[in-house]
Amino acid sequence: MPDRIIYSWEDFDKDILNINNQITSSNWFPDYVVGVKRGGLIPAIKLSHILQKPMIMMSYQSRDNDDNSIKLLEVESIPKNKNVLIVDDICDSGTTFSNIIDKFISEGFQSIKTCSLYYNNKQPFVIDYRVNHIDRNTDNRWIIFPWEVP
């Protein structure tokens, strides 16, 4: 088994359309798309164009475990009663999304959904919109997204 998964631009385009279809089918529509930098920015930008909604970026670093590691940047300008879609490239351990959701809730946001291109189905956090599943108990390959330097 190769030690990495090469994720192509073609995969990306197909998966973004799939996520858009999932959102449309759910009858929940975001007012804002929030991209988690760095990996979530490109998927968030593409989704914001397709959904015709503004995109905001936020910063999260899992190596720092204090509240200052989650920076909402422009998120403060989003009214708390709006629907917010949080986007990242992968939900691996679930820690990033779990901590981000906790931060959004503590800031007063009420309608929050999440999406990722890859989802580790062997961790507790459940992503609302996802495409590719990976089992980290048996598959530890690194995913190389097309916007990354391999």
N, C-alpha and C. Protein backbone atom coordinates (compact mmCIF):
# COMPACT_ATOMS: atom_id res chain seq x y z
N MET A 1 0.85 -1.18 0.00
CA MET A 1 0.00 0.00 0.00
C MET A 1 0.89 1.25 0.00
N PRO A 2 0.62 2.20 -0.89
CA PRO A 2 1.41 3.45 -0.89
C PRO A 2 1.23 4.19 0.43
N ASP A 3 2.23 5.03 0.77
CA ASP A 3 2.18 5.75 2.03
C ASP A 3 1.42 7.07 1.94
N ARG A 4 0.81 7.34 0.79
CA ARG A 4 0.05 8.58 0.64
C ARG A 4 -1.08 8.41 -0.38
N ILE A 5 -2.03 9.30 -0.27
CA ILE A 5 -3.14 9.36 -1.21
C ILE A 5 -2.96 10.65 -2.00
N ILE A 6 -2.92 10.56 -3.31
CA ILE A 6 -2.83 11.75 -4.16
C ILE A 6 -4.26 12.16 -4.52
N TYR A 7 -4.65 13.31 -4.04
CA TYR A 7 -5.98 13.85 -4.28
C TYR A 7 -5.86 14.90 -5.38
N SER A 8 -6.53 14.70 -6.48
CA SER A 8 -6.35 15.55 -7.67
C SER A 8 -7.36 16.71 -7.71
N TRP A 9 -7.09 17.65 -8.60
CA TRP A 9 -8.04 18.74 -8.83
C TRP A 9 -9.36 18.19 -9.35
N GLU A 10 -9.31 17.13 -10.16
CA GLU A 10 -10.53 16.51 -10.66
C GLU A 10 -11.35 15.93 -9.50
N ASP A 11 -10.65 15.27 -8.56
CA ASP A 11 -11.33 14.76 -7.36
C ASP A 11 -11.98 15.91 -6.60
N PHE A 12 -11.24 16.99 -6.46
CA PHE A 12 -11.71 18.16 -5.73
C PHE A 12 -12.99 18.72 -6.37
N ASP A 13 -12.96 18.94 -7.67
CA ASP A 13 -14.13 19.51 -8.36
C ASP A 13 -15.35 18.60 -8.19
N LYS A 14 -15.16 17.31 -8.34
CA LYS A 14 -16.26 16.35 -8.20
C LYS A 14 -16.80 16.36 -6.76
N ASP A 15 -15.89 16.39 -5.80
CA ASP A 15 -16.29 16.34 -4.39
C ASP A 15 -16.99 17.61 -3.93
N ILE A 16 -16.55 18.76 -4.42
CA ILE A 16 -17.21 20.02 -4.06
C ILE A 16 -18.64 20.03 -4.58
N LEU A 17 -18.83 19.54 -5.80
CA LEU A 17 -20.20 19.45 -6.33
C LEU A 17 -21.04 18.48 -5.51
N ASN A 18 -20.44 17.39 -5.05
CA ASN A 18 -21.13 16.43 -4.20
C ASN A 18 -21.56 17.10 -2.89
N ILE A 19 -20.66 17.86 -2.27
CA ILE A 19 -20.99 18.56 -1.03
C ILE A 19 -22.10 19.57 -1.28
N ASN A 20 -22.04 20.30 -2.38
CA ASN A 20 -23.09 21.24 -2.72
C ASN A 20 -24.43 20.52 -2.84
N ASN A 21 -24.43 19.36 -3.46
CA ASN A 21 -25.67 18.57 -3.58
C ASN A 21 -26.18 18.13 -2.21
N GLN A 22 -25.27 17.76 -1.31
CA GLN A 22 -25.68 17.37 0.04
C GLN A 22 -26.32 18.55 0.77
N ILE A 23 -25.73 19.72 0.63
CA ILE A 23 -26.27 20.91 1.27
C ILE A 23 -27.65 21.23 0.71
N THR A 24 -27.76 21.20 -0.61
CA THR A 24 -29.04 21.48 -1.26
C THR A 24 -30.11 20.50 -0.81
N SER A 25 -29.76 19.23 -0.73
CA SER A 25 -30.72 18.19 -0.31
C SER A 25 -31.13 18.34 1.15
N SER A 26 -30.27 18.94 1.97
CA SER A 26 -30.57 19.06 3.40
C SER A 26 -31.54 20.19 3.71
N ASN A 27 -31.75 21.07 2.76
CA ASN A 27 -32.60 22.25 2.95
C ASN A 27 -32.10 23.18 4.05
N TRP A 28 -30.82 23.10 4.36
CA TRP A 28 -30.16 24.05 5.26
C TRP A 28 -29.13 24.78 4.40
N PHE A 29 -29.22 26.08 4.36
CA PHE A 29 -28.32 26.84 3.50
C PHE A 29 -27.51 27.83 4.33
N PRO A 30 -26.20 27.84 4.13
CA PRO A 30 -25.38 28.78 4.90
C PRO A 30 -25.56 30.21 4.42
N ASP A 31 -25.45 31.13 5.37
CA ASP A 31 -25.36 32.55 5.02
C ASP A 31 -23.90 32.95 4.84
N TYR A 32 -23.01 32.21 5.53
CA TYR A 32 -21.57 32.45 5.46
C TYR A 32 -20.84 31.12 5.40
N VAL A 33 -19.76 31.09 4.63
CA VAL A 33 -18.88 29.94 4.57
C VAL A 33 -17.59 30.34 5.27
N VAL A 34 -17.18 29.56 6.27
CA VAL A 34 -15.99 29.87 7.06
C VAL A 34 -14.94 28.81 6.75
N GLY A 35 -13.80 29.23 6.19
CA GLY A 35 -12.71 28.32 5.88
C GLY A 35 -11.68 28.31 6.98
N VAL A 36 -11.31 27.11 7.42
CA VAL A 36 -10.26 26.96 8.43
C VAL A 36 -8.93 26.97 7.71
N LYS A 37 -8.10 27.98 8.02
CA LYS A 37 -6.83 28.03 7.30
C LYS A 37 -5.86 27.03 7.88
N ARG A 38 -5.12 26.42 7.08
CA ARG A 38 -4.86 26.59 5.68
C ARG A 38 -5.67 25.63 4.82
N GLY A 39 -5.80 24.39 5.26
CA GLY A 39 -6.40 23.37 4.42
C GLY A 39 -7.83 23.61 4.00
N GLY A 40 -8.60 24.33 4.78
CA GLY A 40 -10.00 24.55 4.45
C GLY A 40 -10.27 25.75 3.57
N LEU A 41 -9.25 26.55 3.31
CA LEU A 41 -9.50 27.79 2.56
C LEU A 41 -9.93 27.55 1.12
N ILE A 42 -9.24 26.71 0.41
CA ILE A 42 -9.59 26.49 -1.00
C ILE A 42 -10.95 25.83 -1.14
N PRO A 43 -11.26 24.77 -0.37
CA PRO A 43 -12.63 24.25 -0.45
C PRO A 43 -13.69 25.29 -0.06
N ALA A 44 -13.39 26.12 0.92
CA ALA A 44 -14.35 27.15 1.35
C ALA A 44 -14.56 28.19 0.25
N ILE A 45 -13.50 28.60 -0.39
CA ILE A 45 -13.63 29.58 -1.48
C ILE A 45 -14.49 29.02 -2.60
N LYS A 46 -14.21 27.78 -2.99
CA LYS A 46 -14.98 27.16 -4.08
C LYS A 46 -16.46 27.03 -3.69
N LEU A 47 -16.72 26.57 -2.47
CA LEU A 47 -18.11 26.45 -2.02
C LEU A 47 -18.80 27.81 -1.94
N SER A 48 -18.07 28.83 -1.50
CA SER A 48 -18.68 30.16 -1.40
C SER A 48 -19.10 30.68 -2.78
N HIS A 49 -18.31 30.36 -3.79
CA HIS A 49 -18.68 30.76 -5.16
C HIS A 49 -19.90 29.99 -5.63
N ILE A 50 -19.91 28.68 -5.43
CA ILE A 50 -21.04 27.87 -5.87
C ILE A 50 -22.32 28.27 -5.13
N LEU A 51 -22.22 28.46 -3.82
CA LEU A 51 -23.38 28.82 -3.01
C LEU A 51 -23.73 30.31 -3.08
N GLN A 52 -22.83 31.09 -3.65
CA GLN A 52 -22.98 32.54 -3.76
C GLN A 52 -23.17 33.18 -2.38
N LYS A 53 -22.28 32.79 -1.48
CA LYS A 53 -22.28 33.32 -0.12
C LYS A 53 -20.89 33.83 0.22
N PRO A 54 -20.78 34.80 1.11
CA PRO A 54 -19.46 35.32 1.48
C PRO A 54 -18.62 34.27 2.22
N MET A 55 -17.31 34.34 2.00
CA MET A 55 -16.38 33.43 2.66
C MET A 55 -15.53 34.22 3.64
N ILE A 56 -15.42 33.68 4.85
CA ILE A 56 -14.62 34.26 5.91
C ILE A 56 -13.58 33.21 6.29
N MET A 57 -12.37 33.65 6.66
CA MET A 57 -11.38 32.67 7.10
C MET A 57 -11.17 32.76 8.60
N MET A 58 -10.75 31.64 9.15
CA MET A 58 -10.43 31.59 10.57
C MET A 58 -9.16 30.79 10.75
N SER A 59 -8.53 30.97 11.89
CA SER A 59 -7.27 30.30 12.18
C SER A 59 -7.47 29.35 13.36
N TYR A 60 -6.89 28.17 13.23
CA TYR A 60 -6.91 27.19 14.31
C TYR A 60 -5.60 26.42 14.28
N GLN A 61 -4.97 26.27 15.43
CA GLN A 61 -3.75 25.47 15.53
C GLN A 61 -3.91 24.48 16.67
N SER A 62 -3.90 23.20 16.34
CA SER A 62 -4.14 22.19 17.36
C SER A 62 -2.95 22.00 18.29
N ARG A 63 -1.77 22.49 17.90
CA ARG A 63 -0.61 22.30 18.78
C ARG A 63 -0.65 23.20 19.99
N ASP A 64 -1.42 24.29 19.92
CA ASP A 64 -1.63 25.16 21.08
C ASP A 64 -2.98 24.79 21.66
N ASN A 65 -3.01 24.51 22.93
CA ASN A 65 -4.24 24.01 23.52
C ASN A 65 -4.98 25.06 24.33
N ASP A 66 -4.67 26.34 24.12
CA ASP A 66 -5.40 27.35 24.87
C ASP A 66 -6.42 28.04 23.97
N ASP A 67 -7.28 28.82 24.57
CA ASP A 67 -8.36 29.47 23.83
C ASP A 67 -7.84 30.43 22.77
N ASN A 68 -6.62 30.97 22.97
CA ASN A 68 -6.06 31.91 22.00
C ASN A 68 -5.66 31.23 20.70
N SER A 69 -5.64 29.91 20.67
CA SER A 69 -5.24 29.21 19.45
C SER A 69 -6.35 29.23 18.40
N ILE A 70 -7.57 29.57 18.80
CA ILE A 70 -8.68 29.66 17.85
C ILE A 70 -8.95 31.14 17.62
N LYS A 71 -8.61 31.59 16.43
CA LYS A 71 -8.79 32.99 16.09
C LYS A 71 -9.90 33.09 15.05
N LEU A 72 -10.94 33.80 15.38
CA LEU A 72 -12.08 33.89 14.50
C LEU A 72 -11.91 34.94 13.41
N LEU A 73 -10.84 35.76 13.48
CA LEU A 73 -10.58 36.79 12.49
C LEU A 73 -11.84 37.57 12.17
N GLU A 74 -12.34 37.51 10.94
CA GLU A 74 -13.49 38.32 10.55
C GLU A 74 -14.82 37.75 11.01
N VAL A 75 -14.81 36.59 11.66
CA VAL A 75 -16.04 35.94 12.07
C VAL A 75 -16.87 36.82 12.98
N GLU A 76 -16.21 37.70 13.74
CA GLU A 76 -16.94 38.59 14.64
C GLU A 76 -17.96 39.45 13.90
N SER A 77 -17.74 39.68 12.60
CA SER A 77 -18.67 40.52 11.84
C SER A 77 -19.92 39.76 11.39
N ILE A 78 -19.98 38.44 11.61
CA ILE A 78 -21.14 37.65 11.22
C ILE A 78 -22.20 37.78 12.32
N PRO A 79 -23.42 38.16 11.95
CA PRO A 79 -24.49 38.19 12.95
C PRO A 79 -24.70 36.78 13.53
N LYS A 80 -24.92 36.70 14.82
CA LYS A 80 -25.01 35.42 15.52
C LYS A 80 -26.20 34.56 15.08
N ASN A 81 -27.21 35.18 14.47
CA ASN A 81 -28.40 34.43 14.07
C ASN A 81 -28.31 33.88 12.64
N LYS A 82 -27.15 33.96 12.03
CA LYS A 82 -26.97 33.48 10.65
C LYS A 82 -26.48 32.04 10.62
N ASN A 83 -26.76 31.34 9.54
CA ASN A 83 -26.28 29.98 9.32
C ASN A 83 -24.82 30.02 8.88
N VAL A 84 -23.98 29.26 9.56
CA VAL A 84 -22.54 29.25 9.29
C VAL A 84 -22.09 27.84 8.93
N LEU A 85 -21.39 27.72 7.81
CA LEU A 85 -20.81 26.46 7.38
C LEU A 85 -19.30 26.53 7.60
N ILE A 86 -18.77 25.64 8.42
CA ILE A 86 -17.33 25.59 8.70
C ILE A 86 -16.72 24.51 7.82
N VAL A 87 -15.66 24.88 7.08
CA VAL A 87 -15.07 24.00 6.08
C VAL A 87 -13.59 23.75 6.38
N ASP A 88 -13.20 22.47 6.33
CA ASP A 88 -11.78 22.11 6.40
C ASP A 88 -11.55 20.99 5.39
N ASP A 89 -10.28 20.71 5.11
CA ASP A 89 -9.99 19.67 4.12
C ASP A 89 -10.21 18.27 4.67
N ILE A 90 -9.93 18.06 5.96
CA ILE A 90 -10.08 16.74 6.56
C ILE A 90 -10.52 16.84 8.00
N CYS A 91 -11.36 15.92 8.40
CA CYS A 91 -11.69 15.73 9.82
C CYS A 91 -10.98 14.45 10.20
N ASP A 92 -9.83 14.58 10.84
CA ASP A 92 -8.98 13.42 11.13
C ASP A 92 -9.24 12.88 12.54
N SER A 93 -8.87 13.66 13.55
CA SER A 93 -9.12 13.23 14.93
C SER A 93 -10.45 13.76 15.45
N GLY A 94 -11.00 14.77 14.77
CA GLY A 94 -12.23 15.43 15.22
C GLY A 94 -11.97 16.57 16.18
N THR A 95 -10.74 16.70 16.68
CA THR A 95 -10.41 17.71 17.67
C THR A 95 -10.58 19.13 17.12
N THR A 96 -10.10 19.37 15.91
CA THR A 96 -10.21 20.71 15.32
C THR A 96 -11.67 21.14 15.24
N PHE A 97 -12.50 20.31 14.62
CA PHE A 97 -13.91 20.68 14.48
C PHE A 97 -14.59 20.80 15.83
N SER A 98 -14.33 19.89 16.73
CA SER A 98 -14.96 19.93 18.05
C SER A 98 -14.61 21.22 18.78
N ASN A 99 -13.34 21.59 18.78
CA ASN A 99 -12.92 22.82 19.45
C ASN A 99 -13.48 24.06 18.77
N ILE A 100 -13.52 24.04 17.43
CA ILE A 100 -14.07 25.19 16.70
C ILE A 100 -15.56 25.36 17.01
N ILE A 101 -16.30 24.26 16.99
CA ILE A 101 -17.74 24.34 17.30
C ILE A 101 -17.94 24.88 18.72
N ASP A 102 -17.16 24.39 19.67
CA ASP A 102 -17.26 24.90 21.05
C ASP A 102 -17.01 26.40 21.09
N LYS A 103 -16.01 26.86 20.34
CA LYS A 103 -15.68 28.29 20.31
C LYS A 103 -16.84 29.09 19.70
N PHE A 104 -17.39 28.61 18.59
CA PHE A 104 -18.51 29.31 17.95
C PHE A 104 -19.72 29.38 18.89
N ILE A 105 -20.01 28.28 19.57
CA ILE A 105 -21.14 28.27 20.50
C ILE A 105 -20.89 29.24 21.65
N SER A 106 -19.65 29.26 22.16
CA SER A 106 -19.33 30.19 23.26
C SER A 106 -19.42 31.65 22.82
N GLU A 107 -19.27 31.89 21.51
CA GLU A 107 -19.38 33.25 20.97
C GLU A 107 -20.84 33.62 20.65
N GLY A 108 -21.76 32.65 20.82
CA GLY A 108 -23.18 32.95 20.63
C GLY A 108 -23.79 32.50 19.32
N PHE A 109 -23.02 31.81 18.48
CA PHE A 109 -23.58 31.31 17.22
C PHE A 109 -24.48 30.11 17.51
N GLN A 110 -25.57 30.00 16.73
CA GLN A 110 -26.54 28.95 17.01
C GLN A 110 -26.73 27.96 15.87
N SER A 111 -26.57 28.38 14.65
CA SER A 111 -26.82 27.49 13.50
C SER A 111 -25.51 27.25 12.76
N ILE A 112 -24.86 26.13 13.12
CA ILE A 112 -23.53 25.82 12.60
C ILE A 112 -23.54 24.42 12.00
N LYS A 113 -22.99 24.30 10.80
CA LYS A 113 -22.80 22.99 10.16
C LYS A 113 -21.34 22.89 9.75
N THR A 114 -20.90 21.66 9.52
CA THR A 114 -19.50 21.41 9.18
C THR A 114 -19.40 20.59 7.91
N CYS A 115 -18.27 20.75 7.21
CA CYS A 115 -18.02 19.88 6.06
C CYS A 115 -16.52 19.70 5.85
N SER A 116 -16.18 18.56 5.27
CA SER A 116 -14.79 18.26 4.94
C SER A 116 -14.75 17.33 3.73
N LEU A 117 -13.62 17.37 3.05
CA LEU A 117 -13.44 16.51 1.88
C LEU A 117 -13.14 15.07 2.29
N TYR A 118 -12.41 14.91 3.40
CA TYR A 118 -12.10 13.59 3.96
C TYR A 118 -12.59 13.53 5.39
N TYR A 119 -13.04 12.34 5.77
CA TYR A 119 -13.60 12.14 7.09
C TYR A 119 -13.11 10.81 7.65
N ASN A 120 -12.43 10.89 8.78
CA ASN A 120 -12.01 9.68 9.49
C ASN A 120 -13.22 9.15 10.25
N ASN A 121 -13.76 8.04 9.79
CA ASN A 121 -14.97 7.52 10.42
C ASN A 121 -14.70 6.74 11.70
N LYS A 122 -13.46 6.78 12.20
CA LYS A 122 -13.11 6.10 13.45
C LYS A 122 -12.77 7.11 14.54
N GLN A 123 -13.50 8.21 14.58
CA GLN A 123 -13.36 9.20 15.65
C GLN A 123 -14.76 9.71 15.97
N PRO A 124 -14.96 10.36 17.11
CA PRO A 124 -16.32 10.64 17.58
C PRO A 124 -17.05 11.82 16.92
N PHE A 125 -16.33 12.79 16.36
CA PHE A 125 -17.02 13.97 15.83
C PHE A 125 -17.70 13.61 14.51
N VAL A 126 -18.95 14.02 14.34
CA VAL A 126 -19.69 13.73 13.12
C VAL A 126 -19.78 14.99 12.26
N ILE A 127 -19.26 14.89 11.05
CA ILE A 127 -19.30 16.00 10.08
C ILE A 127 -20.67 15.98 9.39
N ASP A 128 -21.24 17.15 9.17
CA ASP A 128 -22.55 17.22 8.52
C ASP A 128 -22.48 16.87 7.04
N TYR A 129 -21.48 17.40 6.34
CA TYR A 129 -21.35 17.16 4.90
C TYR A 129 -19.93 16.65 4.64
N ARG A 130 -19.83 15.48 4.05
CA ARG A 130 -18.52 14.86 3.82
C ARG A 130 -18.60 13.99 2.58
N VAL A 131 -17.42 13.68 2.03
CA VAL A 131 -17.40 12.90 0.81
C VAL A 131 -16.60 11.62 0.98
N ASN A 132 -15.33 11.74 1.23
CA ASN A 132 -14.43 10.59 1.30
C ASN A 132 -14.25 10.14 2.74
N HIS A 133 -14.31 8.85 2.95
CA HIS A 133 -14.13 8.28 4.28
C HIS A 133 -12.79 7.56 4.34
N ILE A 134 -12.16 7.64 5.50
CA ILE A 134 -10.91 6.92 5.74
C ILE A 134 -10.98 6.36 7.15
N ASP A 135 -10.45 5.17 7.34
CA ASP A 135 -10.43 4.52 8.64
C ASP A 135 -9.00 4.61 9.17
N ARG A 136 -8.76 5.54 10.09
CA ARG A 136 -7.40 5.74 10.60
C ARG A 136 -6.92 4.59 11.49
N ASN A 137 -7.79 3.69 11.85
CA ASN A 137 -7.34 2.50 12.58
C ASN A 137 -6.56 1.55 11.67
N THR A 138 -6.85 1.61 10.37
CA THR A 138 -6.20 0.69 9.43
C THR A 138 -5.47 1.40 8.29
N ASP A 139 -5.71 2.70 8.11
CA ASP A 139 -5.14 3.43 6.97
C ASP A 139 -4.54 4.75 7.45
N ASN A 140 -3.22 4.82 7.54
CA ASN A 140 -2.54 6.03 8.01
C ASN A 140 -1.88 6.80 6.88
N ARG A 141 -2.30 6.57 5.65
CA ARG A 141 -1.68 7.29 4.54
C ARG A 141 -1.95 8.79 4.65
N TRP A 142 -0.93 9.55 4.28
CA TRP A 142 -1.04 11.01 4.26
C TRP A 142 -1.77 11.40 2.99
N ILE A 143 -2.70 12.34 3.08
CA ILE A 143 -3.45 12.79 1.91
C ILE A 143 -2.78 14.03 1.37
N ILE A 144 -2.37 13.99 0.11
CA ILE A 144 -1.74 15.13 -0.55
C ILE A 144 -2.81 15.83 -1.40
N PHE A 145 -3.25 16.98 -0.93
CA PHE A 145 -4.23 17.77 -1.67
C PHE A 145 -3.51 18.54 -2.77
N PRO A 146 -4.20 18.87 -3.86
CA PRO A 146 -3.49 19.50 -4.99
C PRO A 146 -2.89 20.86 -4.70
N TRP A 147 -3.37 21.53 -3.67
CA TRP A 147 -2.83 22.85 -3.33
C TRP A 147 -1.63 22.76 -2.37
N GLU A 148 -1.25 21.55 -2.01
CA GLU A 148 -0.11 21.35 -1.12
C GLU A 148 1.14 21.00 -1.92
N VAL A 149 2.28 21.26 -1.33
CA VAL A 149 3.55 20.85 -1.93
C VAL A 149 3.84 19.45 -1.41
N PRO A 150 3.94 18.46 -2.32
CA PRO A 150 4.16 17.08 -1.84
C PRO A 150 5.54 16.89 -1.24
